[in-house]
Amino acid sequence: MSSPALPQSLALEAAHVEAEEEAALPQVEAGQVPEGSVGGMGDINLYPRRIVMDQRQRISSVGIYNKTPFDGDYEISISDMVMTETGAVIPVDNLPAGVDAGDLKAASGMLRWSPRRVMLPGSEAQTVRIMARPPADLPDGEYRAHFMVVSVPKDIDEGYSIEDAVGDSAGAGESVGVTIRPRFGISIPVIIRVGETTLDVALRDLSLAEDAQGEAITLTIARSGTRSAYGDLTITAAGIDEPVAIAKGIGVYPEIDSRTVRLALNPEFDRDRLAPGTVLTATFVDDDYAPGRTLARQEFSVP
């Protein structure tokens, strides 16, 4: 894994931060990605799935893994995003009507990172350093931004005029050609926790549902306190060994009080075993502040 030198200013600031030694990123074979990384529609994965920093740990690293044999050019940025009750995460500078970011505790202004653009050879990886600088008088709570990596299409900097699009031959007529260059992006949350934080979680409104995507279990994760909820949801049925449904890495951020979640039934599970009256149990287990701790549990009977 390659890691270019940080700009001198960031390196000098980091030298004065009293922080625990950051955890080393996992080493993997060329073209492979570490277990627990997150991927998207593009050609890269990020590790870890989320960054959490506090007064003791103010420096962290993100690994960018190019899982293809092709070179890639990537822009790296940090921006503030707000979560909706459906689980969508939307940039605050592009909010649709009806979405309010008033309760978001934004962290982008407290973060510095380097590098901000990388040319990553195929099947290689790059380390990006992130440093948090929360103000000394910042009120207790959880503050968040999102680390984003976006692919830069080849030749993005080359000029492309309307003359290029129309063409210069008579046979082109008056038609206009359009070149589409997709820009794939992937992001992970960067969380700064200041002082004492609290969290209470409850599950409610469990039900079986069926839509165009098939049968699923829907439920609402209710959250209160100053800390986000993050963990794994598992649905089990009384007397049946295999889980009915599983969803890992479900987050509910502090700017919302609840989030609706849809869990597709486990494809290996026999739906016919869910006879009316069967008791289902939903369990939400922490994978953040106290990993393995059950944050909430709720039962309901199949109608």
C-alpha atoms as a PDB file:
ATOM      1  CA  MET A   1       0.000   0.000   0.000  1.00  0.00           C
ATOM      2  CA  SER A   2       1.443   3.339  -1.029  1.00  0.00           C
ATOM      3  CA  SER A   3       1.179   6.477   1.063  1.00  0.00           C
ATOM      4  CA  PRO A   4       2.689   9.752  -0.159  1.00  0.00           C
ATOM      5  CA  ALA A   5       4.105  12.250   2.293  1.00  0.00           C
ATOM      6  CA  LEU A   6       1.620  14.630   3.865  1.00  0.00           C
ATOM      7  CA  PRO A   7       1.901  18.353   3.205  1.00  0.00           C
ATOM      8  CA  GLN A   8       4.228  19.877   5.779  1.00  0.00           C
ATOM      9  CA  SER A   9       1.528  21.954   7.478  1.00  0.00           C
ATOM     10  CA  LEU A  10      -0.700  18.960   8.154  1.00  0.00           C
ATOM     11  CA  ALA A  11       2.234  16.831   9.255  1.00  0.00           C
ATOM     12  CA  LEU A  12       3.423  19.476  11.714  1.00  0.00           C
ATOM     13  CA  GLU A  13      -0.058  19.911  13.171  1.00  0.00           C
ATOM     14  CA  ALA A  14      -0.441  16.180  13.565  1.00  0.00           C
ATOM     15  CA  ALA A  15       2.838  16.042  15.465  1.00  0.00           C
ATOM     16  CA  HIS A  16       1.332  18.259  18.151  1.00  0.00           C
ATOM     17  CA  VAL A  17      -1.900  16.304  18.580  1.00  0.00           C
ATOM     18  CA  GLU A  18      -1.956  14.176  21.713  1.00  0.00           C
ATOM     19  CA  ALA A  19      -3.591  11.080  20.244  1.00  0.00           C
ATOM     20  CA  GLU A  20      -3.368   7.345  20.600  1.00  0.00           C
ATOM     21  CA  GLU A  21      -1.507   5.522  17.864  1.00  0.00           C
ATOM     22  CA  GLU A  22      -3.883   4.990  14.983  1.00  0.00           C
ATOM     23  CA  ALA A  23      -4.783   1.450  13.997  1.00  0.00           C
ATOM     24  CA  ALA A  24      -2.887   0.100  10.995  1.00  0.00           C
ATOM     25  CA  LEU A  25      -4.904  -0.523   7.872  1.00  0.00           C
ATOM     26  CA  PRO A  26      -5.119  -4.175   6.818  1.00  0.00           C
ATOM     27  CA  GLN A  27      -2.670  -5.408   4.205  1.00  0.00           C
ATOM     28  CA  VAL A  28      -4.205  -7.450   1.379  1.00  0.00           C
ATOM     29  CA  GLU A  29      -3.048  -9.017  -1.868  1.00  0.00           C
ATOM     30  CA  ALA A  30      -3.011  -6.823  -4.969  1.00  0.00           C
ATOM     31  CA  GLY A  31      -6.504  -6.416  -6.347  1.00  0.00           C
ATOM     32  CA  GLN A  32      -8.143  -7.661  -3.137  1.00  0.00           C
ATOM     33  CA  VAL A  33     -10.085  -5.631  -0.570  1.00  0.00           C
ATOM     34  CA  PRO A  34     -10.101  -6.099   3.215  1.00  0.00           C
ATOM     35  CA  GLU A  35     -12.991  -7.773   4.967  1.00  0.00           C
ATOM     36  CA  GLY A  36     -15.315  -5.140   6.353  1.00  0.00           C
ATOM     37  CA  SER A  37     -14.646  -2.616   3.590  1.00  0.00           C
ATOM     38  CA  VAL A  38     -17.471  -0.862   1.799  1.00  0.00           C
ATOM     39  CA  GLY A  39     -17.902  -0.786  -1.965  1.00  0.00           C
ATOM     40  CA  GLY A  40     -20.210   0.908  -4.426  1.00  0.00           C
ATOM     41  CA  MET A  41     -20.994   0.962  -8.135  1.00  0.00           C
ATOM     42  CA  GLY A  42     -17.511   2.108  -9.035  1.00  0.00           C
ATOM     43  CA  ASP A  43     -14.150   0.383  -8.980  1.00  0.00           C
ATOM     44  CA  ILE A  44     -12.958   1.109  -5.429  1.00  0.00           C
ATOM     45  CA  ASN A  45     -13.601   0.079  -1.846  1.00  0.00           C
ATOM     46  CA  LEU A  46     -13.025   2.082   1.319  1.00  0.00           C
ATOM     47  CA  TYR A  47     -11.840   0.762   4.665  1.00  0.00           C
ATOM     48  CA  PRO A  48     -13.074   1.080   7.347  1.00  0.00           C
ATOM     49  CA  ARG A  49     -16.832   1.551   6.931  1.00  0.00           C
ATOM     50  CA  ARG A  50     -16.805   4.540   9.276  1.00  0.00           C
ATOM     51  CA  ILE A  51     -14.366   6.700  11.198  1.00  0.00           C
ATOM     52  CA  VAL A  52     -14.980   7.650  14.826  1.00  0.00           C
ATOM     53  CA  MET A  53     -12.682  10.084  16.624  1.00  0.00           C
ATOM     54  CA  ASP A  54     -12.737  11.698  20.052  1.00  0.00           C
ATOM     55  CA  GLN A  55     -10.486  13.725  22.381  1.00  0.00           C
ATOM     56  CA  ARG A  56      -7.954  10.889  22.592  1.00  0.00           C
ATOM     57  CA  GLN A  57      -7.996   9.793  18.959  1.00  0.00           C
ATOM     58  CA  ARG A  58      -7.832  12.740  16.586  1.00  0.00           C
ATOM     59  CA  ILE A  59      -5.943  11.181  13.700  1.00  0.00           C
ATOM     60  CA  SER A  60      -7.263   8.377  11.551  1.00  0.00           C
ATOM     61  CA  SER A  61      -6.690   6.770   8.174  1.00  0.00           C
ATOM     62  CA  VAL A  62      -8.854   5.594   5.305  1.00  0.00           C
ATOM     63  CA  GLY A  63      -7.671   2.989   2.829  1.00  0.00           C
ATOM     64  CA  ILE A  64      -8.733   3.400  -0.806  1.00  0.00           C
ATOM     65  CA  TYR A  65      -8.505   0.059  -2.627  1.00  0.00           C
ATOM     66  CA  ASN A  66      -8.594  -0.125  -6.417  1.00  0.00           C
ATOM     67  CA  LYS A  67     -10.072  -3.566  -7.043  1.00  0.00           C
ATOM     68  CA  THR A  68      -9.648  -3.469 -10.824  1.00  0.00           C
ATOM     69  CA  PRO A  69      -6.539  -3.901 -13.023  1.00  0.00           C
ATOM     70  CA  PHE A  70      -7.063  -0.421 -14.473  1.00  0.00           C
ATOM     71  CA  ASP A  71      -5.563   2.880 -13.310  1.00  0.00           C
ATOM     72  CA  GLY A  72      -7.938   5.391 -11.752  1.00  0.00           C
ATOM     73  CA  ASP A  73      -7.934   9.082 -10.903  1.00  0.00           C
ATOM     74  CA  TYR A  74      -9.889  10.084  -7.799  1.00  0.00           C
ATOM     75  CA  GLU A  75     -10.895  13.279  -6.046  1.00  0.00           C
ATOM     76  CA  ILE A  76     -11.136  13.139  -2.248  1.00  0.00           C
ATOM     77  CA  SER A  77     -13.366  15.516  -0.331  1.00  0.00           C
ATOM     78  CA  ILE A  78     -15.219  15.901   2.950  1.00  0.00           C
ATOM     79  CA  SER A  79     -18.727  17.317   3.046  1.00  0.00           C
ATOM     80  CA  ASP A  80     -21.674  17.592   5.387  1.00  0.00           C
ATOM     81  CA  MET A  81     -24.678  15.348   4.749  1.00  0.00           C
ATOM     82  CA  VAL A  82     -28.001  14.872   6.496  1.00  0.00           C
ATOM     83  CA  MET A  83     -29.924  11.623   6.968  1.00  0.00           C
ATOM     84  CA  THR A  84     -33.659  11.359   6.296  1.00  0.00           C
ATOM     85  CA  GLU A  85     -36.124   9.008   7.991  1.00  0.00           C
ATOM     86  CA  THR A  86     -35.901   6.663   5.011  1.00  0.00           C
ATOM     87  CA  GLY A  87     -32.150   6.268   5.535  1.00  0.00           C
ATOM     88  CA  ALA A  88     -31.115   8.426   2.578  1.00  0.00           C
ATOM     89  CA  VAL A  89     -28.018  10.582   3.157  1.00  0.00           C
ATOM     90  CA  ILE A  90     -28.114  13.867   1.227  1.00  0.00           C
ATOM     91  CA  PRO A  91     -25.492  16.641   0.877  1.00  0.00           C
ATOM     92  CA  VAL A  92     -26.592  19.776   2.715  1.00  0.00           C
ATOM     93  CA  ASP A  93     -25.770  21.906  -0.314  1.00  0.00           C
ATOM     94  CA  ASN A  94     -28.290  20.002  -2.445  1.00  0.00           C
ATOM     95  CA  LEU A  95     -31.263  19.373  -0.184  1.00  0.00           C
ATOM     96  CA  PRO A  96     -34.646  18.685  -1.799  1.00  0.00           C
ATOM     97  CA  ALA A  97     -37.761  20.482  -0.621  1.00  0.00           C
ATOM     98  CA  GLY A  98     -38.956  19.292   2.770  1.00  0.00           C
ATOM     99  CA  VAL A  99     -35.584  18.065   4.029  1.00  0.00           C
ATOM    100  CA  ASP A 100     -34.215  20.114   6.926  1.00  0.00           C
ATOM    101  CA  ALA A 101     -30.607  20.069   8.105  1.00  0.00           C
ATOM    102  CA  GLY A 102     -31.243  22.251  11.150  1.00  0.00           C
ATOM    103  CA  ASP A 103     -30.475  19.471  13.655  1.00  0.00           C
ATOM    104  CA  LEU A 104     -27.271  18.341  11.971  1.00  0.00           C
ATOM    105  CA  LYS A 105     -24.053  18.888  13.932  1.00  0.00           C
ATOM    106  CA  ALA A 106     -21.685  19.415  11.012  1.00  0.00           C
ATOM    107  CA  ALA A 107     -18.016  18.458  11.306  1.00  0.00           C
ATOM    108  CA  SER A 108     -16.503  19.343   7.929  1.00  0.00           C
ATOM    109  CA  GLY A 109     -14.970  22.561   9.258  1.00  0.00           C
ATOM    110  CA  MET A 110     -13.075  20.615  11.931  1.00  0.00           C
ATOM    111  CA  LEU A 111     -11.405  18.141   9.568  1.00  0.00           C
ATOM    112  CA  ARG A 112      -8.257  18.212   7.482  1.00  0.00           C
ATOM    113  CA  TRP A 113      -7.143  15.464   5.148  1.00  0.00           C
ATOM    114  CA  SER A 114      -4.400  14.612   2.701  1.00  0.00           C
ATOM    115  CA  PRO A 115      -3.992  13.834  -0.138  1.00  0.00           C
ATOM    116  CA  ARG A 116      -6.999  15.363  -1.874  1.00  0.00           C
ATOM    117  CA  ARG A 117      -6.515  13.738  -5.245  1.00  0.00           C
ATOM    118  CA  VAL A 118      -4.757  10.516  -6.160  1.00  0.00           C
ATOM    119  CA  MET A 119      -3.832   8.627  -9.290  1.00  0.00           C
ATOM    120  CA  LEU A 120      -4.194   5.015  -8.207  1.00  0.00           C
ATOM    121  CA  PRO A 121      -2.682   2.221 -10.320  1.00  0.00           C
ATOM    122  CA  GLY A 122      -4.746  -0.872 -10.914  1.00  0.00           C
ATOM    123  CA  SER A 123      -4.941  -3.379  -8.031  1.00  0.00           C
ATOM    124  CA  GLU A 124      -3.192  -1.001  -5.628  1.00  0.00           C
ATOM    125  CA  ALA A 125      -4.221   0.947  -2.540  1.00  0.00           C
ATOM    126  CA  GLN A 126      -3.726   4.402  -1.080  1.00  0.00           C
ATOM    127  CA  THR A 127      -3.838   5.678   2.487  1.00  0.00           C
ATOM    128  CA  VAL A 128      -5.506   9.011   3.245  1.00  0.00           C
ATOM    129  CA  ARG A 129      -4.863  10.658   6.612  1.00  0.00           C
ATOM    130  CA  ILE A 130      -7.623  12.587   8.397  1.00  0.00           C
ATOM    131  CA  MET A 131      -7.097  14.890  11.370  1.00  0.00           C
ATOM    132  CA  ALA A 132      -9.805  16.363  13.608  1.00  0.00           C
ATOM    133  CA  ARG A 133      -9.420  19.794  15.233  1.00  0.00           C
ATOM    134  CA  PRO A 134     -12.562  20.451  17.286  1.00  0.00           C
ATOM    135  CA  PRO A 135     -12.631  23.828  19.083  1.00  0.00           C
ATOM    136  CA  ALA A 136     -11.812  23.718  22.787  1.00  0.00           C
ATOM    137  CA  ASP A 137     -15.199  25.150  23.762  1.00  0.00           C
ATOM    138  CA  LEU A 138     -17.283  22.836  21.558  1.00  0.00           C
ATOM    139  CA  PRO A 139     -20.396  21.553  23.407  1.00  0.00           C
ATOM    140  CA  ASP A 140     -20.618  17.834  24.153  1.00  0.00           C
ATOM    141  CA  GLY A 141     -22.184  15.756  21.420  1.00  0.00           C
ATOM    142  CA  GLU A 142     -21.586  13.947  18.172  1.00  0.00           C
ATOM    143  CA  TYR A 143     -20.484  15.841  15.075  1.00  0.00           C
ATOM    144  CA  ARG A 144     -20.327  14.301  11.607  1.00  0.00           C
ATOM    145  CA  ALA A 145     -19.148  14.799   8.051  1.00  0.00           C
ATOM    146  CA  HIS A 146     -18.690  12.372   5.164  1.00  0.00           C
ATOM    147  CA  PHE A 147     -15.438  11.346   3.503  1.00  0.00           C
ATOM    148  CA  MET A 148     -16.075  10.960  -0.220  1.00  0.00           C
ATOM    149  CA  VAL A 149     -14.031   9.556  -3.084  1.00  0.00           C
ATOM    150  CA  VAL A 150     -15.226  10.324  -6.621  1.00  0.00           C
ATOM    151  CA  SER A 151     -13.737   8.960  -9.822  1.00  0.00           C
ATOM    152  CA  VAL A 152     -12.474  11.511 -12.337  1.00  0.00           C
ATOM    153  CA  PRO A 153     -13.385  10.421 -15.888  1.00  0.00           C
ATOM    154  CA  LYS A 154     -10.517  10.265 -18.305  1.00  0.00           C
ATOM    155  CA  ASP A 155      -9.966  13.417 -20.361  1.00  0.00           C
ATOM    156  CA  ILE A 156     -12.221  15.363 -17.980  1.00  0.00           C
ATOM    157  CA  ASP A 157      -9.896  18.350 -18.284  1.00  0.00           C
ATOM    158  CA  GLU A 158      -9.865  18.391 -22.065  1.00  0.00           C
ATOM    159  CA  GLY A 159     -11.940  21.019 -23.847  1.00  0.00           C
ATOM    160  CA  TYR A 160     -15.168  19.877 -25.490  1.00  0.00           C
ATOM    161  CA  SER A 161     -16.875  22.579 -27.493  1.00  0.00           C
ATOM    162  CA  ILE A 162     -20.292  22.702 -29.103  1.00  0.00           C
ATOM    163  CA  GLU A 163     -18.476  22.536 -32.437  1.00  0.00           C
ATOM    164  CA  ASP A 164     -17.026  19.219 -31.351  1.00  0.00           C
ATOM    165  CA  ALA A 165     -20.493  17.978 -30.533  1.00  0.00           C
ATOM    166  CA  VAL A 166     -22.146  19.139 -33.770  1.00  0.00           C
ATOM    167  CA  GLY A 167     -19.324  17.967 -36.046  1.00  0.00           C
ATOM    168  CA  ASP A 168     -18.020  19.631 -39.179  1.00  0.00           C
ATOM    169  CA  SER A 169     -19.443  17.417 -41.899  1.00  0.00           C
ATOM    170  CA  ALA A 170     -22.529  18.190 -43.922  1.00  0.00           C
ATOM    171  CA  GLY A 171     -23.807  14.699 -43.293  1.00  0.00           C
ATOM    172  CA  ALA A 172     -24.037  15.468 -39.602  1.00  0.00           C
ATOM    173  CA  GLY A 173     -27.064  17.661 -40.274  1.00  0.00           C
ATOM    174  CA  GLU A 174     -28.237  19.616 -37.255  1.00  0.00           C
ATOM    175  CA  SER A 175     -27.944  16.784 -34.752  1.00  0.00           C
ATOM    176  CA  VAL A 176     -25.923  17.310 -31.610  1.00  0.00           C
ATOM    177  CA  GLY A 177     -23.855  14.545 -30.077  1.00  0.00           C
ATOM    178  CA  VAL A 178     -23.572  14.117 -26.326  1.00  0.00           C
ATOM    179  CA  THR A 179     -20.777  12.441 -24.421  1.00  0.00           C
ATOM    180  CA  ILE A 180     -21.716  11.042 -21.008  1.00  0.00           C
ATOM    181  CA  ARG A 181     -18.898  10.543 -18.534  1.00  0.00           C
ATOM    182  CA  PRO A 182     -20.198   8.864 -15.358  1.00  0.00           C
ATOM    183  CA  ARG A 183     -18.589   9.865 -12.067  1.00  0.00           C
ATOM    184  CA  PHE A 184     -18.909   7.116  -9.509  1.00  0.00           C
ATOM    185  CA  GLY A 185     -18.568   8.050  -5.865  1.00  0.00           C
ATOM    186  CA  ILE A 186     -18.511   6.362  -2.491  1.00  0.00           C
ATOM    187  CA  SER A 187     -18.583   7.858   0.995  1.00  0.00           C
ATOM    188  CA  ILE A 188     -18.225   6.882   4.630  1.00  0.00           C
ATOM    189  CA  PRO A 189     -19.133   8.873   7.761  1.00  0.00           C
ATOM    190  CA  VAL A 190     -16.468  10.626   9.810  1.00  0.00           C
ATOM    191  CA  ILE A 191     -17.701  11.129  13.361  1.00  0.00           C
ATOM    192  CA  ILE A 192     -16.209  13.300  16.099  1.00  0.00           C
ATOM    193  CA  ARG A 193     -17.506  12.655  19.619  1.00  0.00           C
ATOM    194  CA  VAL A 194     -16.962  15.374  22.173  1.00  0.00           C
ATOM    195  CA  GLY A 195     -17.431  14.780  25.901  1.00  0.00           C
ATOM    196  CA  GLU A 196     -20.180  12.493  27.162  1.00  0.00           C
ATOM    197  CA  THR A 197     -22.742  11.143  24.701  1.00  0.00           C
ATOM    198  CA  THR A 198     -25.928   9.175  25.302  1.00  0.00           C
ATOM    199  CA  LEU A 199     -28.089   6.778  23.320  1.00  0.00           C
ATOM    200  CA  ASP A 200     -31.382   4.907  23.754  1.00  0.00           C
ATOM    201  CA  VAL A 201     -32.795   2.682  21.005  1.00  0.00           C
ATOM    202  CA  ALA A 202     -36.155   0.980  20.508  1.00  0.00           C
ATOM    203  CA  LEU A 203     -37.686  -1.109  17.713  1.00  0.00           C
ATOM    204  CA  ARG A 204     -41.320  -0.678  16.711  1.00  0.00           C
ATOM    205  CA  ASP A 205     -43.874  -1.192  13.934  1.00  0.00           C
ATOM    206  CA  LEU A 206     -42.587  -4.612  12.886  1.00  0.00           C
ATOM    207  CA  SER A 207     -44.565  -6.142  10.036  1.00  0.00           C
ATOM    208  CA  LEU A 208     -44.353  -8.476   7.064  1.00  0.00           C
ATOM    209  CA  ALA A 209     -44.619  -6.656   3.755  1.00  0.00           C
ATOM    210  CA  GLU A 210     -44.577  -7.533   0.071  1.00  0.00           C
ATOM    211  CA  ASP A 211     -43.694  -5.227  -2.797  1.00  0.00           C
ATOM    212  CA  ALA A 212     -42.147  -5.352  -6.247  1.00  0.00           C
ATOM    213  CA  GLN A 213     -38.881  -6.534  -4.691  1.00  0.00           C
ATOM    214  CA  GLY A 214     -40.530  -9.454  -2.916  1.00  0.00           C
ATOM    215  CA  GLU A 215     -41.361 -10.240   0.698  1.00  0.00           C
ATOM    216  CA  ALA A 216     -39.601  -8.410   3.477  1.00  0.00           C
ATOM    217  CA  ILE A 217     -39.785  -7.340   7.101  1.00  0.00           C
ATOM    218  CA  THR A 218     -40.222  -3.656   7.762  1.00  0.00           C
ATOM    219  CA  LEU A 219     -39.631  -1.935  11.061  1.00  0.00           C
ATOM    220  CA  THR A 220     -38.711   1.395  12.591  1.00  0.00           C
ATOM    221  CA  ILE A 221     -35.573   2.034  14.626  1.00  0.00           C
ATOM    222  CA  ALA A 222     -36.309   4.795  17.148  1.00  0.00           C
ATOM    223  CA  ARG A 223     -33.338   6.671  18.601  1.00  0.00           C
ATOM    224  CA  SER A 224     -32.905   9.276  21.305  1.00  0.00           C
ATOM    225  CA  GLY A 225     -29.868  10.880  22.918  1.00  0.00           C
ATOM    226  CA  THR A 226     -26.806  12.610  21.506  1.00  0.00           C
ATOM    227  CA  ARG A 227     -25.079   9.675  19.814  1.00  0.00           C
ATOM    228  CA  SER A 228     -25.839   7.813  16.592  1.00  0.00           C
ATOM    229  CA  ALA A 229     -27.047   4.223  16.635  1.00  0.00           C
ATOM    230  CA  TYR A 230     -25.058   1.826  14.470  1.00  0.00           C
ATOM    231  CA  GLY A 231     -25.238  -1.927  14.354  1.00  0.00           C
ATOM    232  CA  ASP A 232     -26.660  -5.128  12.899  1.00  0.00           C
ATOM    233  CA  LEU A 233     -30.323  -6.111  12.673  1.00  0.00           C
ATOM    234  CA  THR A 234     -31.287  -9.771  12.846  1.00  0.00           C
ATOM    235  CA  ILE A 235     -34.788 -11.274  12.594  1.00  0.00           C
ATOM    236  CA  THR A 236     -35.234 -14.757  14.043  1.00  0.00           C
ATOM    237  CA  ALA A 237     -38.232 -17.065  14.377  1.00  0.00           C
ATOM    238  CA  ALA A 238     -39.069 -19.194  17.388  1.00  0.00           C
ATOM    239  CA  GLY A 239     -37.985 -22.799  16.886  1.00  0.00           C
ATOM    240  CA  ILE A 240     -36.076 -22.085  13.649  1.00  0.00           C
ATOM    241  CA  ASP A 241     -32.276 -22.055  13.561  1.00  0.00           C
ATOM    242  CA  GLU A 242     -31.496 -19.967  10.476  1.00  0.00           C
ATOM    243  CA  PRO A 243     -32.265 -16.238  10.607  1.00  0.00           C
ATOM    244  CA  VAL A 244     -35.293 -14.933   8.748  1.00  0.00           C
ATOM    245  CA  ALA A 245     -33.483 -11.741   7.703  1.00  0.00           C
ATOM    246  CA  ILE A 246     -30.207  -9.914   8.392  1.00  0.00           C
ATOM    247  CA  ALA A 247     -29.025  -6.367   7.704  1.00  0.00           C
ATOM    248  CA  LYS A 248     -25.548  -5.265   8.784  1.00  0.00           C
ATOM    249  CA  GLY A 249     -24.217  -1.780   9.330  1.00  0.00           C
ATOM    250  CA  ILE A 250     -27.507   0.038   9.860  1.00  0.00           C
ATOM    251  CA  GLY A 251     -27.032   3.614  11.073  1.00  0.00           C
ATOM    252  CA  VAL A 252     -29.427   6.144  12.563  1.00  0.00           C
ATOM    253  CA  TYR A 253     -27.795   9.549  12.927  1.00  0.00           C
ATOM    254  CA  PRO A 254     -28.562  12.068  15.689  1.00  0.00           C
ATOM    255  CA  GLU A 255     -30.393  14.548  13.442  1.00  0.00           C
ATOM    256  CA  ILE A 256     -33.326  12.123  13.124  1.00  0.00           C
ATOM    257  CA  ASP A 257     -35.401  10.409  15.810  1.00  0.00           C
ATOM    258  CA  SER A 258     -36.258   7.311  13.781  1.00  0.00           C
ATOM    259  CA  ARG A 259     -35.519   5.455  10.570  1.00  0.00           C
ATOM    260  CA  THR A 260     -37.654   3.011   8.612  1.00  0.00           C
ATOM    261  CA  VAL A 261     -35.804  -0.132   7.512  1.00  0.00           C
ATOM    262  CA  ARG A 262     -36.730  -2.839   5.006  1.00  0.00           C
ATOM    263  CA  LEU A 263     -35.058  -6.245   5.383  1.00  0.00           C
ATOM    264  CA  ALA A 264     -35.419  -8.713   2.518  1.00  0.00           C
ATOM    265  CA  LEU A 265     -36.080 -12.262   3.652  1.00  0.00           C
ATOM    266  CA  ASN A 266     -33.030 -14.510   3.745  1.00  0.00           C
ATOM    267  CA  PRO A 267     -33.063 -16.347   0.369  1.00  0.00           C
ATOM    268  CA  GLU A 268     -32.119 -19.558   2.195  1.00  0.00           C
ATOM    269  CA  PHE A 269     -35.120 -19.260   4.483  1.00  0.00           C
ATOM    270  CA  ASP A 270     -38.285 -21.265   3.683  1.00  0.00           C
ATOM    271  CA  ARG A 271     -41.129 -18.735   3.790  1.00  0.00           C
ATOM    272  CA  ASP A 272     -43.663 -21.539   4.309  1.00  0.00           C
ATOM    273  CA  ARG A 273     -42.268 -22.004   7.814  1.00  0.00           C
ATOM    274  CA  LEU A 274     -43.718 -18.650   8.875  1.00  0.00           C
ATOM    275  CA  ALA A 275     -47.133 -19.944   9.803  1.00  0.00           C
ATOM    276  CA  PRO A 276     -49.676 -17.555  11.356  1.00  0.00           C
ATOM    277  CA  GLY A 277     -48.851 -17.056  15.021  1.00  0.00           C
ATOM    278  CA  THR A 278     -45.130 -17.684  14.616  1.00  0.00           C
ATOM    279  CA  VAL A 279     -43.225 -15.324  16.916  1.00  0.00           C
ATOM    280  CA  LEU A 280     -40.515 -13.267  15.233  1.00  0.00           C
ATOM    281  CA  THR A 281     -37.837 -11.456  17.230  1.00  0.00           C
ATOM    282  CA  ALA A 282     -35.943  -8.436  15.903  1.00  0.00           C
ATOM    283  CA  THR A 283     -32.593  -7.744  17.591  1.00  0.00           C
ATOM    284  CA  PHE A 284     -30.408  -4.683  17.033  1.00  0.00           C
ATOM    285  CA  VAL A 285     -26.804  -5.274  18.190  1.00  0.00           C
ATOM    286  CA  ASP A 286     -24.269  -2.474  18.584  1.00  0.00           C
ATOM    287  CA  ASP A 287     -21.222  -2.442  16.283  1.00  0.00           C
ATOM    288  CA  ASP A 288     -19.872   0.911  17.402  1.00  0.00           C
ATOM    289  CA  TYR A 289     -19.706   2.233  20.947  1.00  0.00           C
ATOM    290  CA  ALA A 290     -20.027  -1.122  22.751  1.00  0.00           C
ATOM    291  CA  PRO A 291     -19.715  -3.841  20.089  1.00  0.00           C
ATOM    292  CA  GLY A 292     -21.851  -6.902  20.805  1.00  0.00           C
ATOM    293  CA  ARG A 293     -24.224  -5.147  23.164  1.00  0.00           C
ATOM    294  CA  THR A 294     -27.934  -5.572  22.405  1.00  0.00           C
ATOM    295  CA  LEU A 295     -29.361  -2.095  21.915  1.00  0.00           C
ATOM    296  CA  ALA A 296     -32.971  -3.107  21.361  1.00  0.00           C
ATOM    297  CA  ARG A 297     -35.211  -6.159  20.908  1.00  0.00           C
ATOM    298  CA  GLN A 298     -38.818  -6.497  19.848  1.00  0.00           C
ATOM    299  CA  GLU A 299     -41.181  -9.397  19.143  1.00  0.00           C
ATOM    300  CA  PHE A 300     -44.264  -9.736  16.981  1.00  0.00           C
ATOM    301  CA  SER A 301     -46.464 -12.547  15.720  1.00  0.00           C
ATOM    302  CA  VAL A 302     -46.973 -13.437  12.074  1.00  0.00           C
ATOM    303  CA  PRO A 303     -50.598 -12.567  11.220  1.00  0.00           C
END
